[in-house]
């Protein structure tokens, strides 16, 4: 069973849709736990993104050194890189504290792959 990463999720929960989750989250199938702990992409694909989450409850993140910034000659941020970072900074710090996954794997396969 997933520990809640956002206590406020129960209050802000939107009607179930295929793509939109808590607070309008549009990444990781609207799953705030996965998005806030793993970011826009699954860990194996992190190099595709220009940022990675560090501590969701504080909103801290690392920037991919292959992107511009921090590398002026790096690849530019995509619209999804920018939009997902805005969602991370606005949604994830609402958590009282960061929880951890208690089941098998990393949580990205429950109840389906996402």
N, C-alpha and C. Protein backbone atom coordinates (compact mmCIF):
# COMPACT_ATOMS: atom_id res chain seq x y z
N UNK A 1 0.84 -1.18 0.00
CA UNK A 1 0.00 0.00 0.00
C UNK A 1 0.89 1.24 0.00
N UNK A 2 0.54 2.20 -0.81
CA UNK A 2 1.32 3.43 -0.88
C UNK A 2 1.08 4.28 0.34
N UNK A 3 2.16 4.83 0.86
CA UNK A 3 2.01 5.85 1.89
C UNK A 3 1.65 7.13 1.18
N UNK A 4 0.82 7.91 1.77
CA UNK A 4 0.43 9.17 1.12
C UNK A 4 1.59 10.14 1.13
N UNK A 5 1.88 10.70 -0.05
CA UNK A 5 2.91 11.73 -0.09
C UNK A 5 2.29 13.09 0.14
N UNK A 6 1.03 13.21 -0.16
CA UNK A 6 0.35 14.49 0.04
C UNK A 6 -0.87 14.29 0.93
N UNK A 7 -0.81 14.79 2.16
CA UNK A 7 -1.97 14.68 3.04
C UNK A 7 -3.15 15.43 2.46
N UNK A 8 -2.85 16.48 1.76
CA UNK A 8 -3.91 17.31 1.21
C UNK A 8 -4.59 16.66 0.01
N UNK A 9 -4.05 15.56 -0.48
CA UNK A 9 -4.60 14.89 -1.65
C UNK A 9 -6.07 14.53 -1.45
N UNK A 10 -6.44 14.13 -0.25
CA UNK A 10 -7.83 13.78 0.00
C UNK A 10 -8.75 14.98 -0.14
N UNK A 11 -8.23 16.13 0.21
CA UNK A 11 -9.03 17.34 0.14
C UNK A 11 -9.12 17.85 -1.29
N UNK A 12 -8.01 17.78 -2.01
CA UNK A 12 -7.95 18.34 -3.35
C UNK A 12 -8.30 17.35 -4.46
N UNK A 13 -8.60 16.11 -4.09
CA UNK A 13 -8.81 15.08 -5.10
C UNK A 13 -9.85 15.52 -6.13
N UNK A 14 -9.47 15.35 -7.39
CA UNK A 14 -10.35 15.68 -8.50
C UNK A 14 -11.06 14.42 -8.96
N UNK A 15 -12.14 14.56 -9.71
CA UNK A 15 -12.78 13.37 -10.26
C UNK A 15 -11.77 12.58 -11.08
N UNK A 16 -11.87 11.26 -11.04
CA UNK A 16 -10.91 10.40 -11.73
C UNK A 16 -10.95 10.65 -13.23
N UNK A 17 -9.78 10.88 -13.81
CA UNK A 17 -9.63 11.02 -15.25
C UNK A 17 -8.41 10.23 -15.66
N UNK A 18 -8.23 10.08 -16.95
CA UNK A 18 -7.11 9.28 -17.43
C UNK A 18 -5.77 9.96 -17.19
N UNK A 19 -5.70 11.28 -17.22
CA UNK A 19 -4.43 11.96 -17.19
C UNK A 19 -4.25 12.96 -16.05
N UNK A 20 -5.29 13.52 -15.51
CA UNK A 20 -5.15 14.61 -14.54
C UNK A 20 -5.36 14.08 -13.13
N UNK A 21 -4.45 14.47 -12.23
CA UNK A 21 -4.52 14.02 -10.86
C UNK A 21 -4.65 15.18 -9.90
N UNK A 22 -4.17 14.99 -8.70
CA UNK A 22 -4.25 15.96 -7.61
C UNK A 22 -3.71 17.31 -8.05
N UNK A 23 -4.46 18.36 -7.81
CA UNK A 23 -4.01 19.71 -8.11
C UNK A 23 -3.76 19.97 -9.58
N UNK A 24 -4.29 19.14 -10.47
CA UNK A 24 -4.08 19.30 -11.90
C UNK A 24 -2.83 18.62 -12.42
N UNK A 25 -2.25 17.70 -11.65
CA UNK A 25 -1.04 17.00 -12.06
C UNK A 25 -1.29 16.24 -13.37
N UNK A 26 -0.48 16.51 -14.38
CA UNK A 26 -0.67 15.89 -15.69
C UNK A 26 0.44 14.92 -16.07
N UNK A 27 1.35 14.63 -15.15
CA UNK A 27 2.44 13.69 -15.43
C UNK A 27 2.29 12.45 -14.56
N UNK A 28 2.90 11.34 -15.00
CA UNK A 28 2.87 10.06 -14.29
C UNK A 28 1.43 9.63 -14.00
N UNK A 29 0.57 9.82 -14.99
CA UNK A 29 -0.84 9.44 -14.90
C UNK A 29 -1.52 10.08 -13.69
N UNK A 30 -1.08 11.27 -13.32
CA UNK A 30 -1.70 11.99 -12.22
C UNK A 30 -1.38 11.44 -10.84
N UNK A 31 -0.38 10.59 -10.73
CA UNK A 31 -0.02 9.96 -9.45
C UNK A 31 0.99 10.85 -8.72
N UNK A 32 0.58 11.56 -7.67
CA UNK A 32 1.50 12.47 -6.99
C UNK A 32 2.65 11.77 -6.29
N UNK A 33 2.44 10.54 -5.80
CA UNK A 33 3.53 9.83 -5.14
C UNK A 33 4.69 9.60 -6.11
N UNK A 34 4.38 9.01 -7.27
CA UNK A 34 5.43 8.74 -8.25
C UNK A 34 6.04 10.02 -8.79
N UNK A 35 5.21 10.97 -9.14
CA UNK A 35 5.72 12.21 -9.70
C UNK A 35 6.63 12.94 -8.72
N UNK A 36 6.21 13.04 -7.49
CA UNK A 36 6.99 13.79 -6.50
C UNK A 36 8.26 13.07 -6.06
N UNK A 37 8.29 11.75 -6.14
CA UNK A 37 9.48 11.01 -5.72
C UNK A 37 10.39 10.65 -6.89
N UNK A 38 9.82 10.49 -8.09
CA UNK A 38 10.63 10.07 -9.24
C UNK A 38 10.68 11.10 -10.35
N UNK A 39 9.79 12.07 -10.34
CA UNK A 39 9.79 13.09 -11.38
C UNK A 39 8.96 12.70 -12.59
N UNK A 40 9.21 13.41 -13.66
CA UNK A 40 8.43 13.25 -14.89
C UNK A 40 8.63 11.88 -15.53
N UNK A 41 9.83 11.33 -15.41
CA UNK A 41 10.16 10.06 -16.06
C UNK A 41 10.49 8.99 -15.04
N UNK A 42 10.37 7.72 -15.46
CA UNK A 42 10.80 6.63 -14.60
C UNK A 42 12.31 6.74 -14.43
N UNK A 43 12.88 6.26 -13.33
CA UNK A 43 14.32 6.44 -13.08
C UNK A 43 15.21 6.00 -14.24
N UNK A 44 14.85 4.95 -14.95
CA UNK A 44 15.68 4.48 -16.06
C UNK A 44 15.76 5.51 -17.19
N UNK A 45 14.78 6.41 -17.27
CA UNK A 45 14.74 7.41 -18.34
C UNK A 45 15.05 8.82 -17.84
N UNK A 46 15.63 8.95 -16.66
CA UNK A 46 15.88 10.28 -16.08
C UNK A 46 16.68 11.18 -17.00
N UNK A 47 17.59 10.61 -17.77
CA UNK A 47 18.43 11.45 -18.64
C UNK A 47 17.61 12.14 -19.74
N UNK A 48 16.38 11.70 -19.95
CA UNK A 48 15.52 12.36 -20.93
C UNK A 48 15.05 13.71 -20.42
N UNK A 49 14.93 13.85 -19.11
CA UNK A 49 14.43 15.09 -18.52
C UNK A 49 15.55 16.04 -18.15
N UNK A 50 15.20 17.29 -17.88
CA UNK A 50 16.20 18.30 -17.51
C UNK A 50 16.23 18.57 -16.01
N UNK A 51 15.43 17.84 -15.23
CA UNK A 51 15.47 18.00 -13.77
C UNK A 51 15.08 16.68 -13.11
N UNK A 52 15.52 16.51 -11.85
CA UNK A 52 15.19 15.33 -11.05
C UNK A 52 14.80 15.78 -9.65
N UNK A 53 13.80 15.14 -9.04
CA UNK A 53 13.41 15.52 -7.68
C UNK A 53 14.47 15.12 -6.66
N UNK A 54 14.63 15.95 -5.64
CA UNK A 54 15.49 15.61 -4.51
C UNK A 54 14.63 15.36 -3.28
N UNK A 55 14.08 16.42 -2.71
CA UNK A 55 13.21 16.32 -1.55
C UNK A 55 11.87 16.95 -1.90
N UNK A 56 10.88 16.12 -2.23
CA UNK A 56 9.59 16.66 -2.67
C UNK A 56 8.95 17.64 -1.70
N UNK A 57 9.02 17.37 -0.40
CA UNK A 57 8.31 18.24 0.53
C UNK A 57 8.95 19.63 0.63
N UNK A 58 10.20 19.76 0.21
CA UNK A 58 10.82 21.09 0.19
C UNK A 58 10.85 21.67 -1.22
N UNK A 59 10.52 20.85 -2.23
CA UNK A 59 10.50 21.32 -3.61
C UNK A 59 11.88 21.42 -4.24
N UNK A 60 12.89 20.80 -3.63
CA UNK A 60 14.23 20.87 -4.19
C UNK A 60 14.42 19.86 -5.31
N UNK A 61 15.29 20.21 -6.25
CA UNK A 61 15.53 19.37 -7.41
C UNK A 61 16.95 19.59 -7.91
N UNK A 62 17.41 18.66 -8.74
CA UNK A 62 18.70 18.78 -9.43
C UNK A 62 18.42 19.04 -10.90
N UNK A 63 19.28 19.83 -11.54
CA UNK A 63 19.16 20.02 -12.98
C UNK A 63 20.11 19.07 -13.70
N UNK A 64 19.65 18.55 -14.82
CA UNK A 64 20.45 17.67 -15.65
C UNK A 64 21.59 18.50 -16.25
N UNK A 65 22.86 18.13 -16.02
CA UNK A 65 23.97 18.92 -16.54
C UNK A 65 24.05 18.92 -18.07
N UNK A 66 23.28 18.07 -18.74
CA UNK A 66 23.28 18.05 -20.20
C UNK A 66 22.32 19.07 -20.81
N UNK A 67 21.58 19.79 -19.96
CA UNK A 67 20.59 20.75 -20.44
C UNK A 67 21.09 22.19 -20.27
N UNK A 68 20.46 23.12 -20.99
CA UNK A 68 20.77 24.54 -20.89
C UNK A 68 19.61 25.24 -20.18
N UNK A 69 19.78 25.79 -18.97
CA UNK A 69 20.94 25.70 -18.10
C UNK A 69 21.01 24.31 -17.47
N UNK A 70 22.04 23.95 -16.85
CA UNK A 70 23.22 24.72 -16.48
C UNK A 70 24.28 24.82 -17.57
N UNK A 71 24.26 23.96 -18.58
CA UNK A 71 25.28 24.00 -19.63
C UNK A 71 24.80 24.90 -20.77
N UNK A 72 25.45 26.04 -21.01
CA UNK A 72 24.99 26.95 -22.06
C UNK A 72 24.98 26.31 -23.44
N UNK A 73 25.77 25.25 -23.63
CA UNK A 73 25.79 24.55 -24.92
C UNK A 73 24.95 23.28 -24.89
N UNK A 74 24.24 23.07 -23.79
CA UNK A 74 23.43 21.86 -23.64
C UNK A 74 22.13 21.95 -24.43
N UNK A 75 21.39 20.86 -24.40
CA UNK A 75 20.11 20.86 -25.12
C UNK A 75 19.10 21.73 -24.39
N UNK A 76 18.21 22.35 -25.13
CA UNK A 76 17.22 23.22 -24.50
C UNK A 76 16.16 22.41 -23.75
N UNK A 77 15.57 23.04 -22.74
CA UNK A 77 14.47 22.42 -22.01
C UNK A 77 13.27 22.32 -22.93
N UNK A 78 12.57 21.18 -22.87
CA UNK A 78 11.33 21.02 -23.64
C UNK A 78 10.19 21.68 -22.88
N UNK A 79 9.06 21.83 -23.55
CA UNK A 79 7.88 22.37 -22.89
C UNK A 79 7.48 21.49 -21.72
N UNK A 80 7.62 20.16 -21.87
CA UNK A 80 7.29 19.24 -20.78
C UNK A 80 8.26 19.37 -19.61
N UNK A 81 9.53 19.60 -19.89
CA UNK A 81 10.50 19.81 -18.81
C UNK A 81 10.06 21.01 -17.96
N UNK A 82 9.75 22.09 -18.61
CA UNK A 82 9.36 23.32 -17.90
C UNK A 82 8.04 23.16 -17.17
N UNK A 83 7.03 22.61 -17.86
CA UNK A 83 5.70 22.46 -17.26
C UNK A 83 5.73 21.49 -16.08
N UNK A 84 6.49 20.39 -16.21
CA UNK A 84 6.55 19.42 -15.12
C UNK A 84 7.27 20.00 -13.90
N UNK A 85 8.28 20.83 -14.12
CA UNK A 85 8.97 21.45 -12.99
C UNK A 85 8.04 22.43 -12.27
N UNK A 86 7.24 23.18 -13.01
CA UNK A 86 6.27 24.09 -12.38
C UNK A 86 5.29 23.29 -11.53
N UNK A 87 4.81 22.16 -12.06
CA UNK A 87 3.89 21.33 -11.28
C UNK A 87 4.58 20.75 -10.05
N UNK A 88 5.83 20.31 -10.20
CA UNK A 88 6.58 19.77 -9.06
C UNK A 88 6.70 20.81 -7.96
N UNK A 89 7.09 22.03 -8.34
CA UNK A 89 7.31 23.08 -7.35
C UNK A 89 6.02 23.56 -6.70
N UNK A 90 4.89 23.39 -7.37
CA UNK A 90 3.63 23.86 -6.79
C UNK A 90 2.88 22.76 -6.04
N UNK A 91 3.00 21.52 -6.46
CA UNK A 91 2.22 20.43 -5.85
C UNK A 91 2.99 19.71 -4.74
N UNK A 92 4.21 19.34 -5.00
CA UNK A 92 4.94 18.46 -4.07
C UNK A 92 5.26 19.09 -2.72
N UNK A 93 5.59 20.39 -2.63
CA UNK A 93 5.87 20.95 -1.31
C UNK A 93 4.64 21.02 -0.39
N UNK A 94 3.45 20.72 -0.90
CA UNK A 94 2.26 20.70 -0.06
C UNK A 94 2.26 19.50 0.90
N UNK A 95 3.15 18.55 0.64
CA UNK A 95 3.25 17.37 1.51
C UNK A 95 3.79 17.77 2.88
N UNK A 96 3.27 17.17 3.90
CA UNK A 96 3.78 17.41 5.25
C UNK A 96 5.17 16.81 5.38
N UNK A 97 5.35 15.63 4.83
CA UNK A 97 6.65 14.98 4.77
C UNK A 97 6.62 13.98 3.64
N UNK A 98 7.80 13.58 3.19
CA UNK A 98 7.89 12.60 2.11
C UNK A 98 7.78 11.20 2.69
N UNK A 99 6.97 10.38 2.07
CA UNK A 99 6.83 9.00 2.49
C UNK A 99 7.65 8.10 1.59
N UNK A 100 7.64 6.83 1.88
CA UNK A 100 8.36 5.87 1.05
C UNK A 100 7.42 4.77 0.62
N UNK A 101 7.75 4.11 -0.45
CA UNK A 101 6.96 3.02 -0.98
C UNK A 101 7.16 1.79 -0.10
N UNK A 102 6.06 1.14 0.30
CA UNK A 102 6.13 -0.01 1.20
C UNK A 102 5.95 -1.35 0.50
N UNK A 103 5.53 -1.33 -0.78
CA UNK A 103 5.29 -2.58 -1.49
C UNK A 103 6.49 -3.03 -2.29
N UNK A 104 6.25 -4.01 -3.18
CA UNK A 104 7.31 -4.50 -4.06
C UNK A 104 7.62 -3.48 -5.13
N UNK A 105 8.83 -3.47 -5.61
CA UNK A 105 9.23 -2.56 -6.67
C UNK A 105 9.29 -1.11 -6.19
N UNK A 106 8.98 -0.19 -7.11
CA UNK A 106 9.07 1.22 -6.79
C UNK A 106 7.72 1.94 -6.80
N UNK A 107 6.64 1.19 -6.97
CA UNK A 107 5.31 1.77 -6.97
C UNK A 107 4.79 2.13 -8.34
N UNK A 108 5.61 2.04 -9.36
CA UNK A 108 5.19 2.47 -10.69
C UNK A 108 4.34 1.43 -11.43
N UNK A 109 4.13 0.27 -10.82
CA UNK A 109 3.32 -0.76 -11.48
C UNK A 109 1.99 -1.01 -10.78
N UNK A 110 1.68 -0.21 -9.77
CA UNK A 110 0.44 -0.41 -9.01
C UNK A 110 -0.48 0.77 -9.22
N UNK A 111 -1.70 0.64 -9.60
CA UNK A 111 -2.38 -0.60 -10.01
C UNK A 111 -2.11 -0.96 -11.46
N UNK A 112 -1.30 -0.15 -12.20
CA UNK A 112 -0.91 -0.43 -13.59
C UNK A 112 0.42 0.29 -13.82
N UNK A 113 1.08 -0.03 -14.93
CA UNK A 113 2.35 0.62 -15.25
C UNK A 113 2.12 2.09 -15.56
N UNK A 114 2.81 2.94 -14.83
CA UNK A 114 2.72 4.38 -15.11
C UNK A 114 3.93 5.13 -14.60
